[in-house]
Amino acid sequence: MTMTHVFAGNPLDRGDAERRDPDWLAAAARHENTQFLPLWQLNALVSAGEDLRLKWLPSQAIDALDIDVPPIFLGIDGDRAHFAIDISELHDPVHELALDDLHRFEDARAAAMQLPLPETGILAQARSQVDWHRRHRFCSNCGAMTEAHKGGHVRKCGNCGAEHFPRTDPVAIMLIVDGDRCLLGQPKGPLVRMGMYSALAGFIDQGEAIEEAVRREVMEEAGVSVGDVHYHSSQPWPYPSSLMIGCHGVARSTEIRIDESEMHDVRWVTRDKILDALAGKPTEVKVPGELAIAHHLIRSWAEGEVTL
């Protein structure tokens, strides 16, 4: 099944060949047609006119700032290079950039609910990479300071020569089905306060296949055995840099044994109740909104797009 989620669909050519050319990168960063997306405290600059859009600034506006932060090359659209730049050291970025009241720095999750879908993909890339550079300034091999290279696609240690690359953390998220009902869980934390149930999920371990992770996580969290596993779609999730790998699975057992250290509740929910929840009708089980891949895993099964 082909599906483009929020935070996916990035239209930029990531320019691997251009990343390897420091002279090209330096010239592109100075070019008058180049666009920069500023991020302040990991919040992206947006223009809140009639429609919310990412706000790109020319190189001249970035040059005027008193900051010494290397930009991160995001990619190319036609003949125009795009960079992200972390301006978190500024005290009042809106004022220092001389922006009007229609511009603000917005959290990626809030912005993504209003931005055009392709821009959410760019935003996910920018936020994840800026965050990675903020948190990986030192070499994990020797502890020395590292420097950004290849347009921010790698950090190199000048002391021991080690190279460090941005990481992506794979997460299996799965809707398990038993006939006309599905398995939903409520981890301890915010979902409990919201009264919301979602698909079960967990990080994939090293040396573990996606199908194995699905079966292990469901057994650990709910005590339910899973047989067949089918891939549905994936979603980048820039908090900070996860890749949600969405699957459907078929239950081989139905008795629930909750991992009480992690889960507040796990239950079987009938298709009728799911359809009521998706329609916004009063129901005992709320499900995630369209921003989350869990919503689409649930909807595709409940509306019969996926048969198991």
C-alpha atoms as a PDB file:
ATOM      1  CA  MET A   1       0.000   0.000   0.000  1.00  0.00           C
ATOM      2  CA  THR A   2       1.334   3.447  -0.953  1.00  0.00           C
ATOM      3  CA  MET A   3       0.632   6.226   1.506  1.00  0.00           C
ATOM      4  CA  THR A   4       2.327   9.539   2.239  1.00  0.00           C
ATOM      5  CA  HIS A   5       2.028  10.587   5.855  1.00  0.00           C
ATOM      6  CA  VAL A   6       2.647  13.909   7.516  1.00  0.00           C
ATOM      7  CA  PHE A   7       6.434  14.456   7.877  1.00  0.00           C
ATOM      8  CA  ALA A   8       6.998  12.398   4.700  1.00  0.00           C
ATOM      9  CA  GLY A   9       6.882  13.435   1.039  1.00  0.00           C
ATOM     10  CA  ASN A  10       9.978  15.666   1.121  1.00  0.00           C
ATOM     11  CA  PRO A  11      10.272  17.046  -2.461  1.00  0.00           C
ATOM     12  CA  LEU A  12      13.918  18.170  -2.228  1.00  0.00           C
ATOM     13  CA  ASP A  13      16.704  16.367  -4.049  1.00  0.00           C
ATOM     14  CA  ARG A  14      19.055  15.724  -1.123  1.00  0.00           C
ATOM     15  CA  GLY A  15      22.042  16.280  -3.401  1.00  0.00           C
ATOM     16  CA  ASP A  16      24.487  13.604  -2.326  1.00  0.00           C
ATOM     17  CA  ALA A  17      27.030  14.593  -4.988  1.00  0.00           C
ATOM     18  CA  GLU A  18      26.774  18.270  -4.037  1.00  0.00           C
ATOM     19  CA  ARG A  19      27.263  17.423  -0.366  1.00  0.00           C
ATOM     20  CA  ARG A  20      30.674  15.996  -1.210  1.00  0.00           C
ATOM     21  CA  ASP A  21      31.864  19.238  -2.856  1.00  0.00           C
ATOM     22  CA  PRO A  22      32.862  21.825  -0.213  1.00  0.00           C
ATOM     23  CA  ASP A  23      33.422  24.526  -2.854  1.00  0.00           C
ATOM     24  CA  TRP A  24      29.921  23.991  -4.247  1.00  0.00           C
ATOM     25  CA  LEU A  25      28.412  24.138  -0.761  1.00  0.00           C
ATOM     26  CA  ALA A  26      30.262  27.345   0.101  1.00  0.00           C
ATOM     27  CA  ALA A  27      29.161  29.008  -3.133  1.00  0.00           C
ATOM     28  CA  ALA A  28      25.569  27.820  -2.697  1.00  0.00           C
ATOM     29  CA  ALA A  29      25.388  29.190   0.836  1.00  0.00           C
ATOM     30  CA  ARG A  30      26.301  32.644  -0.524  1.00  0.00           C
ATOM     31  CA  HIS A  31      24.123  32.571  -3.642  1.00  0.00           C
ATOM     32  CA  GLU A  32      21.345  35.150  -3.800  1.00  0.00           C
ATOM     33  CA  ASN A  33      18.771  32.534  -4.854  1.00  0.00           C
ATOM     34  CA  THR A  34      19.541  30.175  -1.966  1.00  0.00           C
ATOM     35  CA  GLN A  35      16.909  29.806   0.727  1.00  0.00           C
ATOM     36  CA  PHE A  36      17.473  29.287   4.459  1.00  0.00           C
ATOM     37  CA  LEU A  37      14.986  27.872   6.960  1.00  0.00           C
ATOM     38  CA  PRO A  38      15.823  29.247  10.430  1.00  0.00           C
ATOM     39  CA  LEU A  39      15.110  27.112  13.479  1.00  0.00           C
ATOM     40  CA  TRP A  40      15.075  28.605  16.955  1.00  0.00           C
ATOM     41  CA  GLN A  41      15.016  26.166  19.863  1.00  0.00           C
ATOM     42  CA  LEU A  42      14.003  23.542  17.262  1.00  0.00           C
ATOM     43  CA  ASN A  43      10.952  25.584  16.251  1.00  0.00           C
ATOM     44  CA  ALA A  44      10.778  26.482  12.556  1.00  0.00           C
ATOM     45  CA  LEU A  45      10.013  29.911  11.146  1.00  0.00           C
ATOM     46  CA  VAL A  46       6.567  30.010   9.530  1.00  0.00           C
ATOM     47  CA  SER A  47       4.527  32.622   7.742  1.00  0.00           C
ATOM     48  CA  ALA A  48       1.009  32.743   9.125  1.00  0.00           C
ATOM     49  CA  GLY A  49      -0.810  34.522   6.320  1.00  0.00           C
ATOM     50  CA  GLU A  50      -3.916  33.113   4.684  1.00  0.00           C
ATOM     51  CA  ASP A  51      -2.245  29.687   4.710  1.00  0.00           C
ATOM     52  CA  LEU A  52       0.569  28.574   6.978  1.00  0.00           C
ATOM     53  CA  ARG A  53       3.852  28.027   5.101  1.00  0.00           C
ATOM     54  CA  LEU A  54       7.495  27.587   5.952  1.00  0.00           C
ATOM     55  CA  LYS A  55       9.272  30.950   5.817  1.00  0.00           C
ATOM     56  CA  TRP A  56      12.521  30.832   3.863  1.00  0.00           C
ATOM     57  CA  LEU A  57      15.043  33.644   4.121  1.00  0.00           C
ATOM     58  CA  PRO A  58      17.702  34.751   1.616  1.00  0.00           C
ATOM     59  CA  SER A  59      21.409  34.398   2.341  1.00  0.00           C
ATOM     60  CA  GLN A  60      21.680  38.157   2.909  1.00  0.00           C
ATOM     61  CA  ALA A  61      19.320  37.961   5.891  1.00  0.00           C
ATOM     62  CA  ILE A  62      21.377  35.169   7.460  1.00  0.00           C
ATOM     63  CA  ASP A  63      24.672  36.965   6.801  1.00  0.00           C
ATOM     64  CA  ALA A  64      23.333  39.977   8.717  1.00  0.00           C
ATOM     65  CA  LEU A  65      22.945  37.914  11.899  1.00  0.00           C
ATOM     66  CA  ASP A  66      25.759  37.840  14.431  1.00  0.00           C
ATOM     67  CA  ILE A  67      25.994  34.052  14.658  1.00  0.00           C
ATOM     68  CA  ASP A  68      28.724  31.560  13.823  1.00  0.00           C
ATOM     69  CA  VAL A  69      26.786  28.377  13.055  1.00  0.00           C
ATOM     70  CA  PRO A  70      27.373  26.298   9.915  1.00  0.00           C
ATOM     71  CA  PRO A  71      24.184  25.831   7.875  1.00  0.00           C
ATOM     72  CA  ILE A  72      22.849  22.358   7.157  1.00  0.00           C
ATOM     73  CA  PHE A  73      22.319  21.533   3.506  1.00  0.00           C
ATOM     74  CA  LEU A  74      18.833  20.096   3.010  1.00  0.00           C
ATOM     75  CA  GLY A  75      18.780  19.691  -0.751  1.00  0.00           C
ATOM     76  CA  ILE A  76      17.966  21.250  -4.097  1.00  0.00           C
ATOM     77  CA  ASP A  77      14.733  22.240  -5.790  1.00  0.00           C
ATOM     78  CA  GLY A  78      15.532  22.860  -9.447  1.00  0.00           C
ATOM     79  CA  ASP A  79      18.612  25.083  -9.355  1.00  0.00           C
ATOM     80  CA  ARG A  80      17.941  26.507  -5.890  1.00  0.00           C
ATOM     81  CA  ALA A  81      19.747  25.194  -2.810  1.00  0.00           C
ATOM     82  CA  HIS A  82      17.958  24.949   0.539  1.00  0.00           C
ATOM     83  CA  PHE A  83      19.629  25.050   3.944  1.00  0.00           C
ATOM     84  CA  ALA A  84      18.467  24.908   7.559  1.00  0.00           C
ATOM     85  CA  ILE A  85      20.273  26.969  10.172  1.00  0.00           C
ATOM     86  CA  ASP A  86      20.098  26.886  13.957  1.00  0.00           C
ATOM     87  CA  ILE A  87      19.693  30.440  15.302  1.00  0.00           C
ATOM     88  CA  SER A  88      18.936  29.396  18.874  1.00  0.00           C
ATOM     89  CA  GLU A  89      21.651  31.663  20.276  1.00  0.00           C
ATOM     90  CA  LEU A  90      19.596  34.728  19.328  1.00  0.00           C
ATOM     91  CA  HIS A  91      17.604  36.234  22.195  1.00  0.00           C
ATOM     92  CA  ASP A  92      14.748  37.737  20.158  1.00  0.00           C
ATOM     93  CA  PRO A  93      14.897  36.144  16.695  1.00  0.00           C
ATOM     94  CA  VAL A  94      11.713  37.714  15.297  1.00  0.00           C
ATOM     95  CA  HIS A  95      12.960  41.192  16.164  1.00  0.00           C
ATOM     96  CA  GLU A  96      16.557  40.547  15.059  1.00  0.00           C
ATOM     97  CA  LEU A  97      15.326  39.221  11.720  1.00  0.00           C
ATOM     98  CA  ALA A  98      13.077  42.294  11.355  1.00  0.00           C
ATOM     99  CA  LEU A  99       9.971  40.161  10.821  1.00  0.00           C
ATOM    100  CA  ASP A 100       6.389  41.378  11.075  1.00  0.00           C
ATOM    101  CA  ASP A 101       3.564  39.956  13.183  1.00  0.00           C
ATOM    102  CA  LEU A 102       2.630  37.390  10.528  1.00  0.00           C
ATOM    103  CA  HIS A 103       5.806  35.427  11.254  1.00  0.00           C
ATOM    104  CA  ARG A 104       6.579  33.234  14.233  1.00  0.00           C
ATOM    105  CA  PHE A 105       8.599  30.201  15.299  1.00  0.00           C
ATOM    106  CA  GLU A 106       6.310  27.186  15.550  1.00  0.00           C
ATOM    107  CA  ASP A 107       6.706  23.705  16.992  1.00  0.00           C
ATOM    108  CA  ALA A 108       7.000  21.145  14.206  1.00  0.00           C
ATOM    109  CA  ARG A 109       4.038  19.088  15.384  1.00  0.00           C
ATOM    110  CA  ALA A 110       1.715  22.085  15.559  1.00  0.00           C
ATOM    111  CA  ALA A 111       2.957  23.454  12.242  1.00  0.00           C
ATOM    112  CA  ALA A 112       2.597  20.105  10.483  1.00  0.00           C
ATOM    113  CA  MET A 113      -1.164  20.083  11.041  1.00  0.00           C
ATOM    114  CA  GLN A 114      -1.474  23.172   8.811  1.00  0.00           C
ATOM    115  CA  LEU A 115       1.447  23.079   6.380  1.00  0.00           C
ATOM    116  CA  PRO A 116       1.206  21.592   2.870  1.00  0.00           C
ATOM    117  CA  LEU A 117       2.253  17.941   3.017  1.00  0.00           C
ATOM    118  CA  PRO A 118       5.568  18.334   1.105  1.00  0.00           C
ATOM    119  CA  GLU A 119       6.677  21.077   3.498  1.00  0.00           C
ATOM    120  CA  THR A 120       6.125  18.792   6.481  1.00  0.00           C
ATOM    121  CA  GLY A 121       8.715  16.436   4.978  1.00  0.00           C
ATOM    122  CA  ILE A 122      11.242  19.257   4.688  1.00  0.00           C
ATOM    123  CA  LEU A 123      10.433  20.306   8.244  1.00  0.00           C
ATOM    124  CA  ALA A 124      11.030  16.784   9.560  1.00  0.00           C
ATOM    125  CA  GLN A 125      14.437  16.642   7.885  1.00  0.00           C
ATOM    126  CA  ALA A 126      15.437  20.087   9.126  1.00  0.00           C
ATOM    127  CA  ARG A 127      14.344  19.542  12.727  1.00  0.00           C
ATOM    128  CA  SER A 128      15.928  16.108  13.030  1.00  0.00           C
ATOM    129  CA  GLN A 129      19.269  17.204  11.582  1.00  0.00           C
ATOM    130  CA  VAL A 130      19.479  20.428  13.593  1.00  0.00           C
ATOM    131  CA  ASP A 131      18.651  18.509  16.757  1.00  0.00           C
ATOM    132  CA  TRP A 132      21.287  15.855  15.974  1.00  0.00           C
ATOM    133  CA  HIS A 133      23.997  18.491  15.562  1.00  0.00           C
ATOM    134  CA  ARG A 134      22.982  20.166  18.825  1.00  0.00           C
ATOM    135  CA  ARG A 135      23.288  16.875  20.742  1.00  0.00           C
ATOM    136  CA  HIS A 136      26.365  15.340  19.066  1.00  0.00           C
ATOM    137  CA  ARG A 137      29.044  17.980  19.218  1.00  0.00           C
ATOM    138  CA  PHE A 138      31.552  15.641  20.856  1.00  0.00           C
ATOM    139  CA  CYS A 139      33.130  12.466  19.564  1.00  0.00           C
ATOM    140  CA  SER A 140      31.706   9.323  21.159  1.00  0.00           C
ATOM    141  CA  ASN A 141      35.038   7.599  20.528  1.00  0.00           C
ATOM    142  CA  CYS A 142      37.492  10.011  22.218  1.00  0.00           C
ATOM    143  CA  GLY A 143      35.406  12.900  23.582  1.00  0.00           C
ATOM    144  CA  ALA A 144      36.982  15.625  21.440  1.00  0.00           C
ATOM    145  CA  MET A 145      34.961  18.310  19.674  1.00  0.00           C
ATOM    146  CA  THR A 146      33.645  17.354  16.227  1.00  0.00           C
ATOM    147  CA  GLU A 147      32.975  19.501  13.163  1.00  0.00           C
ATOM    148  CA  ALA A 148      30.227  19.334  10.566  1.00  0.00           C
ATOM    149  CA  HIS A 149      31.169  18.176   7.056  1.00  0.00           C
ATOM    150  CA  LYS A 150      29.308  17.285   3.845  1.00  0.00           C
ATOM    151  CA  GLY A 151      26.782  20.031   4.425  1.00  0.00           C
ATOM    152  CA  GLY A 152      25.965  18.718   7.882  1.00  0.00           C
ATOM    153  CA  HIS A 153      25.502  15.093   6.818  1.00  0.00           C
ATOM    154  CA  VAL A 154      28.445  13.935   8.905  1.00  0.00           C
ATOM    155  CA  ARG A 155      30.481  15.148  11.865  1.00  0.00           C
ATOM    156  CA  LYS A 156      34.199  14.424  11.923  1.00  0.00           C
ATOM    157  CA  CYS A 157      36.554  14.287  14.880  1.00  0.00           C
ATOM    158  CA  GLY A 158      39.787  16.173  14.317  1.00  0.00           C
ATOM    159  CA  ASN A 159      41.472  14.230  17.103  1.00  0.00           C
ATOM    160  CA  CYS A 160      40.880  10.558  16.276  1.00  0.00           C
ATOM    161  CA  GLY A 161      39.400  10.874  12.780  1.00  0.00           C
ATOM    162  CA  ALA A 162      36.111   9.141  13.624  1.00  0.00           C
ATOM    163  CA  GLU A 163      33.078   9.983  11.498  1.00  0.00           C
ATOM    164  CA  HIS A 164      29.611  10.252  12.993  1.00  0.00           C
ATOM    165  CA  PHE A 165      26.405  10.192  10.967  1.00  0.00           C
ATOM    166  CA  PRO A 166      22.862  11.334  11.821  1.00  0.00           C
ATOM    167  CA  ARG A 167      20.930   8.457  13.312  1.00  0.00           C
ATOM    168  CA  THR A 168      17.438   7.232  12.653  1.00  0.00           C
ATOM    169  CA  ASP A 169      15.732   5.116  15.312  1.00  0.00           C
ATOM    170  CA  PRO A 170      13.338   2.500  13.839  1.00  0.00           C
ATOM    171  CA  VAL A 171      10.082   1.968  15.717  1.00  0.00           C
ATOM    172  CA  ALA A 172       7.591  -0.801  14.979  1.00  0.00           C
ATOM    173  CA  ILE A 173       3.985   0.332  15.399  1.00  0.00           C
ATOM    174  CA  MET A 174       1.322  -2.300  14.844  1.00  0.00           C
ATOM    175  CA  LEU A 175      -2.397  -2.857  14.836  1.00  0.00           C
ATOM    176  CA  ILE A 176      -3.125  -6.445  15.844  1.00  0.00           C
ATOM    177  CA  VAL A 177      -6.401  -7.904  14.638  1.00  0.00           C
ATOM    178  CA  ASP A 178      -8.597 -10.760  15.818  1.00  0.00           C
ATOM    179  CA  GLY A 179     -11.495 -11.092  13.419  1.00  0.00           C
ATOM    180  CA  ASP A 180     -13.752  -8.071  13.863  1.00  0.00           C
ATOM    181  CA  ARG A 181     -11.796  -6.440  16.669  1.00  0.00           C
ATOM    182  CA  CYS A 182      -8.384  -4.879  17.098  1.00  0.00           C
ATOM    183  CA  LEU A 183      -5.923  -4.515  19.973  1.00  0.00           C
ATOM    184  CA  LEU A 184      -5.380  -0.997  21.309  1.00  0.00           C
ATOM    185  CA  GLY A 185      -3.239   0.147  24.198  1.00  0.00           C
ATOM    186  CA  GLN A 186      -2.847   3.080  26.513  1.00  0.00           C
ATOM    187  CA  PRO A 187       0.741   3.596  27.695  1.00  0.00           C
ATOM    188  CA  LYS A 188       1.255   5.378  30.974  1.00  0.00           C
ATOM    189  CA  GLY A 189       1.567   9.090  30.312  1.00  0.00           C
ATOM    190  CA  PRO A 190      -0.257  11.683  28.190  1.00  0.00           C
ATOM    191  CA  LEU A 191      -2.644   9.270  26.450  1.00  0.00           C
ATOM    192  CA  VAL A 192      -4.163   8.310  29.801  1.00  0.00           C
ATOM    193  CA  ARG A 193      -4.986  11.940  30.561  1.00  0.00           C
ATOM    194  CA  MET A 194      -6.525  12.336  27.099  1.00  0.00           C
ATOM    195  CA  GLY A 195      -8.487   9.098  27.337  1.00  0.00           C
ATOM    196  CA  MET A 196      -6.908   7.995  24.060  1.00  0.00           C
ATOM    197  CA  TYR A 197      -5.962   4.515  22.880  1.00  0.00           C
ATOM    198  CA  SER A 198      -3.477   3.794  20.125  1.00  0.00           C
ATOM    199  CA  ALA A 199      -1.695   1.014  18.285  1.00  0.00           C
ATOM    200  CA  LEU A 200       1.044  -0.707  20.271  1.00  0.00           C
ATOM    201  CA  ALA A 201       4.595   0.358  19.448  1.00  0.00           C
ATOM    202  CA  GLY A 202       8.214  -0.080  20.440  1.00  0.00           C
ATOM    203  CA  PHE A 203      11.787   0.407  19.273  1.00  0.00           C
ATOM    204  CA  ILE A 204      13.301  -2.285  17.072  1.00  0.00           C
ATOM    205  CA  ASP A 205      16.327  -3.909  18.700  1.00  0.00           C
ATOM    206  CA  GLN A 206      19.692  -4.436  17.044  1.00  0.00           C
ATOM    207  CA  GLY A 207      19.759  -7.589  14.941  1.00  0.00           C
ATOM    208  CA  GLU A 208      15.960  -7.805  14.933  1.00  0.00           C
ATOM    209  CA  ALA A 209      13.669  -8.026  11.915  1.00  0.00           C
ATOM    210  CA  ILE A 210      10.550  -5.844  11.742  1.00  0.00           C
ATOM    211  CA  GLU A 211       8.263  -8.871  12.049  1.00  0.00           C
ATOM    212  CA  GLU A 212      10.200 -10.106  15.068  1.00  0.00           C
ATOM    213  CA  ALA A 213       9.922  -6.700  16.727  1.00  0.00           C
ATOM    214  CA  VAL A 214       6.163  -6.632  16.156  1.00  0.00           C
ATOM    215  CA  ARG A 215       5.685 -10.030  17.768  1.00  0.00           C
ATOM    216  CA  ARG A 216       8.051  -9.277  20.664  1.00  0.00           C
ATOM    217  CA  GLU A 217       6.537  -5.891  21.525  1.00  0.00           C
ATOM    218  CA  VAL A 218       2.960  -7.185  21.473  1.00  0.00           C
ATOM    219  CA  MET A 219       3.913 -10.124  23.667  1.00  0.00           C
ATOM    220  CA  GLU A 220       5.784  -7.864  26.098  1.00  0.00           C
ATOM    221  CA  GLU A 221       3.090  -5.182  26.360  1.00  0.00           C
ATOM    222  CA  ALA A 222      -0.067  -7.252  26.050  1.00  0.00           C
ATOM    223  CA  GLY A 223       0.856 -10.942  26.378  1.00  0.00           C
ATOM    224  CA  VAL A 224      -0.767 -11.647  23.001  1.00  0.00           C
ATOM    225  CA  SER A 225       0.892 -13.962  20.482  1.00  0.00           C
ATOM    226  CA  VAL A 226       1.040 -12.698  16.871  1.00  0.00           C
ATOM    227  CA  GLY A 227       1.240 -14.723  13.670  1.00  0.00           C
ATOM    228  CA  ASP A 228       1.268 -13.114  10.224  1.00  0.00           C
ATOM    229  CA  VAL A 229       2.659  -9.568  10.015  1.00  0.00           C
ATOM    230  CA  HIS A 230       2.023  -7.265   7.045  1.00  0.00           C
ATOM    231  CA  TYR A 231       3.755  -3.954   6.310  1.00  0.00           C
ATOM    232  CA  HIS A 232       1.451  -0.968   5.783  1.00  0.00           C
ATOM    233  CA  SER A 233       3.489   2.255   5.526  1.00  0.00           C
ATOM    234  CA  SER A 234       6.120   4.309   7.325  1.00  0.00           C
ATOM    235  CA  GLN A 235       6.349   7.787   8.796  1.00  0.00           C
ATOM    236  CA  PRO A 236       9.377   9.881   9.761  1.00  0.00           C
ATOM    237  CA  TRP A 237       8.836  11.292  13.243  1.00  0.00           C
ATOM    238  CA  PRO A 238      11.294  14.095  14.143  1.00  0.00           C
ATOM    239  CA  TYR A 239      11.098  13.711  17.942  1.00  0.00           C
ATOM    240  CA  PRO A 240      13.974  13.470  17.716  1.00  0.00           C
ATOM    241  CA  SER A 241      14.612  11.184  14.723  1.00  0.00           C
ATOM    242  CA  SER A 242      12.408   8.091  14.667  1.00  0.00           C
ATOM    243  CA  LEU A 243      11.072   6.172  11.697  1.00  0.00           C
ATOM    244  CA  MET A 244       7.671   4.707  12.485  1.00  0.00           C
ATOM    245  CA  ILE A 245       7.243   1.413  10.598  1.00  0.00           C
ATOM    246  CA  GLY A 246       3.539   0.656  10.465  1.00  0.00           C
ATOM    247  CA  CYS A 247       2.283  -2.927  10.323  1.00  0.00           C
ATOM    248  CA  HIS A 248      -0.845  -5.012  10.742  1.00  0.00           C
ATOM    249  CA  GLY A 249      -0.674  -8.369  12.456  1.00  0.00           C
ATOM    250  CA  VAL A 250      -2.974 -11.302  13.092  1.00  0.00           C
ATOM    251  CA  ALA A 251      -3.435 -12.491  16.661  1.00  0.00           C
ATOM    252  CA  ARG A 252      -2.773 -16.151  17.500  1.00  0.00           C
ATOM    253  CA  SER A 253      -3.989 -15.764  21.088  1.00  0.00           C
ATOM    254  CA  THR A 254      -6.479 -13.363  22.640  1.00  0.00           C
ATOM    255  CA  GLU A 255      -5.934 -13.389  26.415  1.00  0.00           C
ATOM    256  CA  ILE A 256      -4.413 -10.072  27.508  1.00  0.00           C
ATOM    257  CA  ARG A 257      -1.670  -9.923  30.136  1.00  0.00           C
ATOM    258  CA  ILE A 258      -0.643  -6.296  30.555  1.00  0.00           C
ATOM    259  CA  ASP A 259       2.901  -5.150  31.284  1.00  0.00           C
ATOM    260  CA  GLU A 260       1.862  -2.954  34.211  1.00  0.00           C
ATOM    261  CA  SER A 261       5.226  -1.215  34.373  1.00  0.00           C
ATOM    262  CA  GLU A 262       4.629   0.332  30.948  1.00  0.00           C
ATOM    263  CA  MET A 263       0.956   0.095  30.031  1.00  0.00           C
ATOM    264  CA  HIS A 264      -2.057   1.606  31.767  1.00  0.00           C
ATOM    265  CA  ASP A 265      -4.535  -0.455  29.761  1.00  0.00           C
ATOM    266  CA  VAL A 266      -4.744  -2.768  26.748  1.00  0.00           C
ATOM    267  CA  ARG A 267      -8.048  -3.934  25.325  1.00  0.00           C
ATOM    268  CA  TRP A 268      -9.789  -5.466  22.346  1.00  0.00           C
ATOM    269  CA  VAL A 269     -12.040  -2.936  20.574  1.00  0.00           C
ATOM    270  CA  THR A 270     -14.709  -3.872  18.044  1.00  0.00           C
ATOM    271  CA  ARG A 271     -14.805  -2.454  14.532  1.00  0.00           C
ATOM    272  CA  ASP A 272     -18.115  -0.696  15.224  1.00  0.00           C
ATOM    273  CA  LYS A 273     -16.639   1.219  18.154  1.00  0.00           C
ATOM    274  CA  ILE A 274     -13.593   2.144  16.080  1.00  0.00           C
ATOM    275  CA  LEU A 275     -15.796   3.483  13.302  1.00  0.00           C
ATOM    276  CA  ASP A 276     -17.745   5.546  15.847  1.00  0.00           C
ATOM    277  CA  ALA A 277     -14.493   6.975  17.210  1.00  0.00           C
ATOM    278  CA  LEU A 278     -13.253   7.825  13.710  1.00  0.00           C
ATOM    279  CA  ALA A 279     -16.569   9.556  12.988  1.00  0.00           C
ATOM    280  CA  GLY A 280     -16.214  11.678  16.111  1.00  0.00           C
ATOM    281  CA  LYS A 281     -19.156  10.092  17.893  1.00  0.00           C
ATOM    282  CA  PRO A 282     -19.131   9.787  21.697  1.00  0.00           C
ATOM    283  CA  THR A 283     -17.360   6.559  22.587  1.00  0.00           C
ATOM    284  CA  GLU A 284     -15.367   5.082  25.419  1.00  0.00           C
ATOM    285  CA  VAL A 285     -12.251   4.815  23.239  1.00  0.00           C
ATOM    286  CA  LYS A 286     -10.683   7.811  21.505  1.00  0.00           C
ATOM    287  CA  VAL A 287      -8.116   7.189  18.739  1.00  0.00           C
ATOM    288  CA  PRO A 288      -5.225   9.364  17.511  1.00  0.00           C
ATOM    289  CA  GLY A 289      -5.784  12.070  14.925  1.00  0.00           C
ATOM    290  CA  GLU A 290      -4.636  12.062  11.306  1.00  0.00           C
ATOM    291  CA  LEU A 291      -1.165  13.409  12.153  1.00  0.00           C
ATOM    292  CA  ALA A 292      -0.192  10.005  13.569  1.00  0.00           C
ATOM    293  CA  ILE A 293       0.453   6.847  11.559  1.00  0.00           C
ATOM    294  CA  ALA A 294      -1.563   4.973  14.205  1.00  0.00           C
ATOM    295  CA  HIS A 295      -4.689   6.723  12.924  1.00  0.00           C
ATOM    296  CA  HIS A 296      -4.138   5.373   9.420  1.00  0.00           C
ATOM    297  CA  LEU A 297      -3.339   1.859  10.610  1.00  0.00           C
ATOM    298  CA  ILE A 298      -6.610   1.869  12.512  1.00  0.00           C
ATOM    299  CA  ARG A 299      -8.689   3.506   9.775  1.00  0.00           C
ATOM    300  CA  SER A 300      -7.403   1.307   6.937  1.00  0.00           C
ATOM    301  CA  TRP A 301      -8.444  -1.814   8.853  1.00  0.00           C
ATOM    302  CA  ALA A 302     -11.731  -0.453  10.214  1.00  0.00           C
ATOM    303  CA  GLU A 303     -12.897   0.738   6.790  1.00  0.00           C
ATOM    304  CA  GLY A 304     -11.934  -2.483   5.068  1.00  0.00           C
ATOM    305  CA  GLU A 305      -8.995  -1.160   3.010  1.00  0.00           C
ATOM    306  CA  VAL A 306      -6.829  -3.832   4.643  1.00  0.00           C
ATOM    307  CA  THR A 307      -8.054  -7.389   5.057  1.00  0.00           C
ATOM    308  CA  LEU A 308      -6.230  -9.871   7.260  1.00  0.00           C
END
